[in-house]
Amino acid sequence: MRSPKYSSLPFWAAVLRVLAYILFVWAFVSTALSIVRAPSIMAGELSLVRAVSAIVTDFLHNLLIAIVALVASEGLLVLIDMEEHARRIADSLKGEQWKATPRLSEKS
């Protein structure tokens, strides 16, 4: 029986996906808070253009971080699929019947 390969990657992919969704929500929440605070910021030294550009830049920055986390989680899942596919090809070239890579839940 084969030993599980990359057994912790699905867990870390799920953690990154949850983190990405939390960051997506945070991007919108922080932007809303910045918009609410904008009048008090504009009363100070910042002009309207600077306040709006700071809000948009902050939103895009938070959104970019969330997208990178989501892409990383999908990349981990692709890595698992590539490894499984390579094992399937290696088994077929050896003339053996393909044996699925056991997952943590299937370990005995």
Protein backbone atom coordinates (compact mmCIF):
# COMPACT_ATOMS: atom_id res chain seq x y z
CA MET A 1 0.00 0.00 0.00
CA ARG A 2 1.24 3.45 -0.83
CA SER A 3 1.98 5.95 1.85
CA PRO A 4 0.02 9.20 1.72
CA LYS A 5 1.87 11.90 -0.16
CA TYR A 6 1.38 15.52 0.69
CA SER A 7 -1.16 14.61 3.33
CA SER A 8 -1.18 18.03 4.97
CA LEU A 9 -1.59 20.07 1.76
CA PRO A 10 -5.40 19.82 1.60
CA PHE A 11 -5.54 21.19 5.15
CA TRP A 12 -3.27 24.12 4.32
CA ALA A 13 -5.19 24.80 1.12
CA ALA A 14 -8.39 25.01 3.14
CA VAL A 15 -6.74 27.32 5.68
CA LEU A 16 -5.52 29.61 2.90
CA ARG A 17 -8.96 29.62 1.29
CA VAL A 18 -10.64 30.62 4.55
CA LEU A 19 -7.99 33.30 5.10
CA ALA A 20 -8.59 34.61 1.57
CA TYR A 21 -12.33 34.94 2.16
CA ILE A 22 -11.72 36.68 5.47
CA LEU A 23 -9.38 39.09 3.68
CA PHE A 24 -12.00 39.71 0.97
CA VAL A 25 -14.50 40.69 3.66
CA TRP A 26 -11.87 42.80 5.41
CA ALA A 27 -11.15 44.68 2.17
CA PHE A 28 -14.77 45.82 1.99
CA VAL A 29 -15.10 46.50 5.73
CA SER A 30 -11.94 48.59 5.89
CA THR A 31 -13.03 50.52 2.80
CA ALA A 32 -16.41 51.22 4.36
CA LEU A 33 -14.72 52.39 7.56
CA SER A 34 -12.40 54.62 5.55
CA ILE A 35 -15.35 56.16 3.73
CA VAL A 36 -17.09 56.85 7.05
CA ARG A 37 -13.90 58.46 8.39
CA ALA A 38 -13.28 60.45 5.19
CA PRO A 39 -15.07 63.65 6.31
CA SER A 40 -12.93 63.85 9.44
CA ILE A 41 -9.82 63.22 7.35
CA MET A 42 -10.77 65.90 4.87
CA ALA A 43 -11.36 68.37 7.71
CA GLY A 44 -7.67 68.02 8.44
CA GLU A 45 -4.89 68.50 5.96
CA LEU A 46 -5.88 66.02 3.24
CA SER A 47 -7.75 67.13 0.16
CA LEU A 48 -10.65 65.20 -1.35
CA VAL A 49 -8.44 63.75 -4.08
CA ARG A 50 -5.88 62.47 -1.58
CA ALA A 51 -8.56 61.00 0.66
CA VAL A 52 -10.23 59.17 -2.25
CA SER A 53 -6.90 57.94 -3.62
CA ALA A 54 -5.91 56.67 -0.14
CA ILE A 55 -9.21 54.80 0.18
CA VAL A 56 -8.92 53.24 -3.30
CA THR A 57 -5.28 52.31 -2.77
CA ASP A 58 -6.07 50.67 0.58
CA PHE A 59 -8.94 48.71 -0.97
CA LEU A 60 -6.83 47.49 -3.90
CA HIS A 61 -3.99 46.54 -1.56
CA ASN A 62 -6.28 44.45 0.65
CA LEU A 63 -7.95 42.92 -2.40
CA LEU A 64 -4.59 41.95 -3.90
CA ILE A 65 -3.53 40.19 -0.69
CA ALA A 66 -6.81 38.23 -0.66
CA ILE A 67 -6.38 37.22 -4.30
CA VAL A 68 -2.82 36.03 -3.68
CA ALA A 69 -4.01 33.88 -0.75
CA LEU A 70 -6.77 32.38 -2.91
CA VAL A 71 -4.35 31.66 -5.76
CA ALA A 72 -1.93 30.00 -3.33
CA SER A 73 -4.67 27.70 -2.02
CA GLU A 74 -5.65 26.72 -5.56
CA GLY A 75 -1.99 26.15 -6.38
CA LEU A 76 -1.70 23.64 -3.56
CA LEU A 77 -4.71 21.75 -4.88
CA VAL A 78 -3.22 21.72 -8.38
CA LEU A 79 0.02 20.32 -6.95
CA ILE A 80 -1.92 17.45 -5.37
CA ASP A 81 -3.72 16.72 -8.65
CA MET A 82 -0.46 16.78 -10.62
CA GLU A 83 1.17 14.32 -8.24
CA GLU A 84 -1.82 11.98 -8.43
CA HIS A 85 -1.83 12.18 -12.23
CA ALA A 86 1.91 11.47 -12.39
CA ARG A 87 1.42 8.39 -10.20
CA ARG A 88 -1.39 7.20 -12.46
CA ILE A 89 0.81 7.54 -15.54
CA ALA A 90 3.75 5.79 -13.84
CA ASP A 91 1.51 2.88 -12.82
CA SER A 92 0.11 2.53 -16.34
CA LEU A 93 3.61 2.57 -17.86
CA LYS A 94 4.71 -0.19 -15.48
CA GLY A 95 1.70 -2.22 -16.50
CA GLU A 96 0.29 -2.18 -13.00
CA GLN A 97 -3.26 -1.40 -12.08
CA TRP A 98 -3.58 2.15 -10.83
CA LYS A 99 -3.69 2.49 -7.06
CA ALA A 100 -5.10 5.71 -5.70
CA THR A 101 -3.01 7.69 -3.28
CA PRO A 102 -4.51 7.10 0.16
CA ARG A 103 -5.77 10.16 2.00
CA LEU A 104 -5.50 10.72 5.73
CA SER A 105 -9.07 9.53 6.26
CA GLU A 106 -8.23 6.24 4.50
CA LYS A 107 -5.13 5.37 6.54
CA SER A 108 -5.31 2.17 8.51
